[in-house]
Amino acid sequence: MGSLLIVDDAAYMRRLVGIMAKKGGHEIAGEAETGQRAIDLYKDLRPDLVILDILMPDMNGLEVLKRIKEINKNARIIMCTASEQAAFVQEALESGAAGYIVKPFTQDVLNEKISAALQT
């Protein structure tokens, strides 16, 4: 079980991920709707895991991933994408993402990915 920072520009997705993760026994440390807010919250909260949307209006998730990794090279981050975008996913993994999930996903899939990432 770990503390999570949920980053998605869509409020309903942040809420849904939060509900699913809580049912898996995880704590929600914070939520961010923009990339810059995610970076600022990461610095303040130091969560065990970040669940990070790839496509956001202000700064894409790949840039956020790289900036968080500059703050903490051991940061655990799972990328979340609405579609299987191979180039984005591959770049995210090469940049240090602990994994990824494709929307829509089930509660079981989300919590399996969270557990796997927390064990790395």
N, C-alpha and C. Protein backbone atom coordinates (compact mmCIF):
# COMPACT_ATOMS: atom_id res chain seq x y z
N MET A 1 0.85 -1.17 0.00
CA MET A 1 0.00 0.00 0.00
C MET A 1 0.89 1.24 0.00
N GLY A 2 0.44 2.25 -0.73
CA GLY A 2 1.27 3.43 -0.82
C GLY A 2 0.46 4.70 -1.00
N SER A 3 1.15 5.82 -0.95
CA SER A 3 0.51 7.11 -1.18
C SER A 3 0.65 7.47 -2.66
N LEU A 4 -0.43 7.99 -3.22
CA LEU A 4 -0.48 8.25 -4.65
C LEU A 4 -0.76 9.71 -4.96
N LEU A 5 -0.15 10.19 -6.03
CA LEU A 5 -0.48 11.48 -6.62
C LEU A 5 -1.13 11.16 -7.96
N ILE A 6 -2.36 11.61 -8.14
CA ILE A 6 -3.11 11.33 -9.37
C ILE A 6 -3.12 12.59 -10.23
N VAL A 7 -2.64 12.45 -11.48
CA VAL A 7 -2.52 13.60 -12.37
C VAL A 7 -3.30 13.33 -13.66
N ASP A 8 -4.35 14.12 -13.86
CA ASP A 8 -5.17 14.00 -15.07
C ASP A 8 -5.92 15.30 -15.21
N ASP A 9 -6.04 15.81 -16.44
CA ASP A 9 -6.77 17.07 -16.63
C ASP A 9 -8.27 16.88 -16.46
N ALA A 10 -8.77 15.66 -16.53
CA ALA A 10 -10.20 15.39 -16.38
C ALA A 10 -10.52 15.03 -14.92
N ALA A 11 -11.35 15.87 -14.29
CA ALA A 11 -11.70 15.66 -12.89
C ALA A 11 -12.34 14.28 -12.66
N TYR A 12 -13.18 13.83 -13.58
CA TYR A 12 -13.84 12.54 -13.39
C TYR A 12 -12.82 11.40 -13.38
N MET A 13 -11.74 11.52 -14.17
CA MET A 13 -10.72 10.46 -14.18
C MET A 13 -9.93 10.47 -12.87
N ARG A 14 -9.61 11.66 -12.36
CA ARG A 14 -8.93 11.72 -11.07
C ARG A 14 -9.79 11.07 -9.99
N ARG A 15 -11.08 11.38 -10.03
CA ARG A 15 -12.00 10.82 -9.03
C ARG A 15 -12.11 9.31 -9.17
N LEU A 16 -12.27 8.83 -10.40
CA LEU A 16 -12.41 7.40 -10.65
C LEU A 16 -11.16 6.63 -10.21
N VAL A 17 -9.98 7.12 -10.60
CA VAL A 17 -8.73 6.47 -10.20
C VAL A 17 -8.61 6.48 -8.68
N GLY A 18 -8.97 7.59 -8.06
CA GLY A 18 -8.91 7.68 -6.60
C GLY A 18 -9.80 6.67 -5.91
N ILE A 19 -11.02 6.54 -6.39
CA ILE A 19 -11.96 5.57 -5.80
C ILE A 19 -11.42 4.15 -5.96
N MET A 20 -10.96 3.82 -7.17
CA MET A 20 -10.43 2.47 -7.42
C MET A 20 -9.20 2.18 -6.56
N ALA A 21 -8.30 3.15 -6.47
CA ALA A 21 -7.07 2.95 -5.71
C ALA A 21 -7.36 2.81 -4.21
N LYS A 22 -8.29 3.61 -3.70
CA LYS A 22 -8.66 3.50 -2.28
C LYS A 22 -9.22 2.12 -1.98
N LYS A 23 -10.01 1.58 -2.91
CA LYS A 23 -10.56 0.22 -2.72
C LYS A 23 -9.44 -0.81 -2.70
N GLY A 24 -8.29 -0.48 -3.31
CA GLY A 24 -7.13 -1.36 -3.29
C GLY A 24 -6.26 -1.13 -2.06
N GLY A 25 -6.70 -0.23 -1.18
CA GLY A 25 -5.99 0.01 0.07
C GLY A 25 -4.95 1.12 0.01
N HIS A 26 -4.96 1.90 -1.06
CA HIS A 26 -3.96 2.96 -1.21
C HIS A 26 -4.51 4.30 -0.72
N GLU A 27 -3.60 5.17 -0.34
CA GLU A 27 -3.94 6.50 0.14
C GLU A 27 -3.72 7.50 -0.99
N ILE A 28 -4.64 8.45 -1.15
CA ILE A 28 -4.49 9.49 -2.16
C ILE A 28 -3.84 10.69 -1.48
N ALA A 29 -2.58 10.94 -1.81
CA ALA A 29 -1.84 12.05 -1.21
C ALA A 29 -2.27 13.38 -1.82
N GLY A 30 -2.62 13.34 -3.13
CA GLY A 30 -3.02 14.57 -3.79
C GLY A 30 -3.46 14.33 -5.22
N GLU A 31 -4.02 15.37 -5.81
CA GLU A 31 -4.48 15.32 -7.19
C GLU A 31 -4.03 16.59 -7.90
N ALA A 32 -3.69 16.46 -9.17
CA ALA A 32 -3.30 17.62 -9.97
C ALA A 32 -3.99 17.55 -11.32
N GLU A 33 -4.39 18.74 -11.81
CA GLU A 33 -5.06 18.82 -13.10
C GLU A 33 -4.15 19.31 -14.20
N THR A 34 -2.95 19.78 -13.84
CA THR A 34 -1.99 20.26 -14.83
C THR A 34 -0.62 19.68 -14.54
N GLY A 35 0.23 19.71 -15.53
CA GLY A 35 1.58 19.21 -15.37
C GLY A 35 2.38 19.99 -14.34
N GLN A 36 2.28 21.33 -14.39
CA GLN A 36 3.04 22.15 -13.45
C GLN A 36 2.57 21.90 -12.02
N ARG A 37 1.27 21.78 -11.84
CA ARG A 37 0.72 21.50 -10.50
C ARG A 37 1.24 20.14 -10.01
N ALA A 38 1.32 19.17 -10.91
CA ALA A 38 1.82 17.84 -10.55
C ALA A 38 3.26 17.93 -10.04
N ILE A 39 4.09 18.70 -10.72
CA ILE A 39 5.49 18.86 -10.33
C ILE A 39 5.58 19.53 -8.95
N ASP A 40 4.79 20.59 -8.77
CA ASP A 40 4.79 21.30 -7.49
C ASP A 40 4.32 20.38 -6.35
N LEU A 41 3.25 19.63 -6.59
CA LEU A 41 2.74 18.72 -5.56
C LEU A 41 3.73 17.60 -5.28
N TYR A 42 4.38 17.11 -6.33
CA TYR A 42 5.36 16.03 -6.12
C TYR A 42 6.45 16.51 -5.16
N LYS A 43 6.94 17.73 -5.37
CA LYS A 43 7.98 18.29 -4.50
C LYS A 43 7.50 18.36 -3.05
N ASP A 44 6.24 18.77 -2.85
CA ASP A 44 5.70 18.94 -1.50
C ASP A 44 5.33 17.62 -0.83
N LEU A 45 4.72 16.72 -1.59
CA LEU A 45 4.13 15.51 -1.02
C LEU A 45 5.04 14.29 -1.02
N ARG A 46 5.94 14.20 -2.00
CA ARG A 46 6.80 13.03 -2.16
C ARG A 46 6.00 11.72 -2.04
N PRO A 47 5.01 11.55 -2.91
CA PRO A 47 4.20 10.32 -2.86
C PRO A 47 5.01 9.09 -3.26
N ASP A 48 4.52 7.92 -2.89
CA ASP A 48 5.19 6.67 -3.26
C ASP A 48 5.06 6.40 -4.75
N LEU A 49 3.97 6.91 -5.36
CA LEU A 49 3.70 6.62 -6.77
C LEU A 49 2.90 7.76 -7.38
N VAL A 50 3.20 8.06 -8.65
CA VAL A 50 2.44 9.04 -9.41
C VAL A 50 1.73 8.30 -10.54
N ILE A 51 0.43 8.54 -10.68
CA ILE A 51 -0.33 8.03 -11.83
C ILE A 51 -0.55 9.24 -12.72
N LEU A 52 0.07 9.21 -13.91
CA LEU A 52 0.23 10.40 -14.73
C LEU A 52 -0.36 10.23 -16.12
N ASP A 53 -1.33 11.07 -16.44
CA ASP A 53 -1.92 11.08 -17.78
C ASP A 53 -0.88 11.56 -18.78
N ILE A 54 -0.87 10.97 -19.96
CA ILE A 54 0.10 11.39 -20.98
C ILE A 54 -0.33 12.68 -21.67
N LEU A 55 -1.60 12.78 -22.04
CA LEU A 55 -2.05 13.95 -22.79
C LEU A 55 -2.78 14.93 -21.88
N MET A 56 -2.15 16.09 -21.68
CA MET A 56 -2.74 17.16 -20.88
C MET A 56 -2.51 18.47 -21.62
N PRO A 57 -3.35 19.48 -21.36
CA PRO A 57 -3.26 20.71 -22.16
C PRO A 57 -2.01 21.56 -21.94
N ASP A 58 -1.50 21.67 -20.73
CA ASP A 58 -0.40 22.61 -20.49
C ASP A 58 0.98 22.03 -20.74
N MET A 59 1.15 20.77 -20.39
CA MET A 59 2.46 20.12 -20.49
C MET A 59 2.16 18.63 -20.60
N ASN A 60 2.72 17.95 -21.59
CA ASN A 60 2.36 16.54 -21.71
C ASN A 60 3.02 15.72 -20.61
N GLY A 61 2.44 14.56 -20.38
CA GLY A 61 2.91 13.70 -19.30
C GLY A 61 4.36 13.27 -19.43
N LEU A 62 4.86 13.18 -20.66
CA LEU A 62 6.26 12.80 -20.84
C LEU A 62 7.20 13.87 -20.28
N GLU A 63 6.85 15.13 -20.48
CA GLU A 63 7.64 16.23 -19.93
C GLU A 63 7.56 16.22 -18.40
N VAL A 64 6.36 15.99 -17.87
CA VAL A 64 6.18 15.93 -16.42
C VAL A 64 7.01 14.78 -15.84
N LEU A 65 6.96 13.63 -16.50
CA LEU A 65 7.75 12.47 -16.07
C LEU A 65 9.24 12.84 -15.97
N LYS A 66 9.75 13.46 -17.00
CA LYS A 66 11.17 13.83 -17.01
C LYS A 66 11.50 14.83 -15.91
N ARG A 67 10.61 15.79 -15.68
CA ARG A 67 10.85 16.81 -14.65
C ARG A 67 10.81 16.19 -13.26
N ILE A 68 9.87 15.26 -13.02
CA ILE A 68 9.81 14.60 -11.71
C ILE A 68 11.05 13.73 -11.51
N LYS A 69 11.49 13.06 -12.57
CA LYS A 69 12.70 12.23 -12.47
C LYS A 69 13.94 13.08 -12.17
N GLU A 70 13.94 14.35 -12.61
CA GLU A 70 15.04 15.26 -12.27
C GLU A 70 15.02 15.58 -10.77
N ILE A 71 13.82 15.66 -10.20
CA ILE A 71 13.68 15.93 -8.76
C ILE A 71 14.10 14.70 -7.96
N ASN A 72 13.64 13.53 -8.42
CA ASN A 72 13.92 12.27 -7.73
C ASN A 72 14.07 11.17 -8.78
N LYS A 73 15.30 10.75 -9.04
CA LYS A 73 15.53 9.74 -10.08
C LYS A 73 14.87 8.42 -9.75
N ASN A 74 14.51 8.19 -8.47
CA ASN A 74 13.85 6.95 -8.06
C ASN A 74 12.33 7.07 -8.00
N ALA A 75 11.79 8.18 -8.46
CA ALA A 75 10.33 8.36 -8.44
C ALA A 75 9.66 7.23 -9.22
N ARG A 76 8.57 6.74 -8.67
CA ARG A 76 7.79 5.69 -9.35
C ARG A 76 6.59 6.34 -10.02
N ILE A 77 6.48 6.12 -11.32
CA ILE A 77 5.44 6.78 -12.11
C ILE A 77 4.82 5.76 -13.06
N ILE A 78 3.49 5.70 -13.06
CA ILE A 78 2.75 4.90 -14.04
C ILE A 78 2.08 5.88 -14.99
N MET A 79 2.28 5.69 -16.27
CA MET A 79 1.66 6.53 -17.27
C MET A 79 0.26 6.00 -17.59
N CYS A 80 -0.63 6.91 -17.87
CA CYS A 80 -2.01 6.55 -18.17
C CYS A 80 -2.37 7.19 -19.50
N THR A 81 -2.84 6.39 -20.44
CA THR A 81 -3.16 6.91 -21.76
C THR A 81 -4.53 6.43 -22.22
N ALA A 82 -5.18 7.27 -23.00
CA ALA A 82 -6.52 6.93 -23.49
C ALA A 82 -6.48 5.93 -24.62
N SER A 83 -5.35 5.83 -25.28
CA SER A 83 -5.24 4.85 -26.35
C SER A 83 -3.82 4.31 -26.36
N GLU A 84 -3.65 3.20 -26.97
CA GLU A 84 -2.33 2.56 -27.03
C GLU A 84 -1.45 3.32 -28.01
N GLN A 85 -0.83 4.38 -27.53
CA GLN A 85 0.03 5.21 -28.38
C GLN A 85 1.46 4.73 -28.19
N ALA A 86 1.87 3.83 -29.06
CA ALA A 86 3.15 3.13 -28.90
C ALA A 86 4.34 4.06 -28.73
N ALA A 87 4.40 5.13 -29.50
CA ALA A 87 5.56 6.03 -29.41
C ALA A 87 5.63 6.70 -28.05
N PHE A 88 4.49 7.19 -27.55
CA PHE A 88 4.45 7.83 -26.24
C PHE A 88 4.81 6.84 -25.13
N VAL A 89 4.19 5.67 -25.20
CA VAL A 89 4.42 4.65 -24.17
C VAL A 89 5.89 4.23 -24.17
N GLN A 90 6.45 4.00 -25.34
CA GLN A 90 7.85 3.59 -25.43
C GLN A 90 8.77 4.66 -24.87
N GLU A 91 8.51 5.92 -25.24
CA GLU A 91 9.35 7.01 -24.72
C GLU A 91 9.21 7.13 -23.20
N ALA A 92 8.00 6.94 -22.69
CA ALA A 92 7.78 7.01 -21.24
C ALA A 92 8.56 5.92 -20.53
N LEU A 93 8.53 4.71 -21.06
CA LEU A 93 9.27 3.61 -20.44
C LEU A 93 10.77 3.86 -20.50
N GLU A 94 11.23 4.37 -21.62
CA GLU A 94 12.66 4.69 -21.77
C GLU A 94 13.08 5.82 -20.84
N SER A 95 12.13 6.68 -20.48
CA SER A 95 12.42 7.81 -19.59
C SER A 95 12.26 7.46 -18.12
N GLY A 96 11.94 6.19 -17.85
CA GLY A 96 11.90 5.76 -16.46
C GLY A 96 10.55 5.45 -15.86
N ALA A 97 9.49 5.46 -16.68
CA ALA A 97 8.18 5.10 -16.14
C ALA A 97 8.20 3.65 -15.66
N ALA A 98 7.49 3.39 -14.56
CA ALA A 98 7.44 2.05 -13.98
C ALA A 98 6.43 1.16 -14.69
N GLY A 99 5.62 1.75 -15.57
CA GLY A 99 4.62 0.98 -16.29
C GLY A 99 3.59 1.92 -16.89
N TYR A 100 2.55 1.34 -17.46
CA TYR A 100 1.48 2.16 -18.03
C TYR A 100 0.18 1.40 -18.00
N ILE A 101 -0.90 2.16 -18.04
CA ILE A 101 -2.24 1.57 -18.14
C ILE A 101 -2.98 2.29 -19.26
N VAL A 102 -3.84 1.55 -19.93
CA VAL A 102 -4.60 2.09 -21.04
C VAL A 102 -6.06 2.24 -20.60
N LYS A 103 -6.60 3.45 -20.79
CA LYS A 103 -8.01 3.70 -20.48
C LYS A 103 -8.86 3.07 -21.57
N PRO A 104 -10.01 2.51 -21.28
CA PRO A 104 -10.54 2.29 -19.94
C PRO A 104 -9.88 1.08 -19.29
N PHE A 105 -9.82 1.07 -17.98
CA PHE A 105 -9.22 -0.04 -17.25
C PHE A 105 -10.12 -0.40 -16.07
N THR A 106 -9.92 -1.59 -15.56
CA THR A 106 -10.71 -2.05 -14.43
C THR A 106 -9.99 -1.76 -13.12
N GLN A 107 -10.71 -1.85 -12.05
CA GLN A 107 -10.13 -1.66 -10.72
C GLN A 107 -9.01 -2.67 -10.48
N ASP A 108 -9.23 -3.92 -10.89
CA ASP A 108 -8.21 -4.96 -10.69
C ASP A 108 -6.93 -4.64 -11.46
N VAL A 109 -7.07 -4.22 -12.71
CA VAL A 109 -5.89 -3.89 -13.52
C VAL A 109 -5.14 -2.72 -12.89
N LEU A 110 -5.86 -1.69 -12.49
CA LEU A 110 -5.22 -0.52 -11.87
C LEU A 110 -4.44 -0.94 -10.63
N ASN A 111 -5.07 -1.69 -9.75
CA ASN A 111 -4.40 -2.05 -8.50
C ASN A 111 -3.25 -3.03 -8.71
N GLU A 112 -3.34 -3.88 -9.73
CA GLU A 112 -2.21 -4.75 -10.07
C GLU A 112 -1.02 -3.92 -10.54
N LYS A 113 -1.28 -2.91 -11.37
CA LYS A 113 -0.20 -2.04 -11.87
C LYS A 113 0.40 -1.23 -10.73
N ILE A 114 -0.44 -0.74 -9.82
CA ILE A 114 0.06 0.02 -8.68
C ILE A 114 0.95 -0.86 -7.82
N SER A 115 0.47 -2.06 -7.50
CA SER A 115 1.25 -2.97 -6.66
C SER A 115 2.58 -3.32 -7.30
N ALA A 116 2.56 -3.60 -8.61
CA ALA A 116 3.79 -3.95 -9.32
C ALA A 116 4.78 -2.77 -9.28
N ALA A 117 4.29 -1.57 -9.50
CA ALA A 117 5.17 -0.39 -9.52
C ALA A 117 5.75 -0.12 -8.13
N LEU A 118 4.97 -0.34 -7.10
CA LEU A 118 5.47 -0.09 -5.74
C LEU A 118 6.51 -1.10 -5.32
N GLN A 119 6.56 -2.25 -5.98
CA GLN A 119 7.53 -3.28 -5.63
C GLN A 119 8.84 -3.11 -6.38
N THR A 120 8.92 -2.17 -7.30
CA THR A 120 10.15 -1.98 -8.07
C THR A 120 11.17 -1.17 -7.28
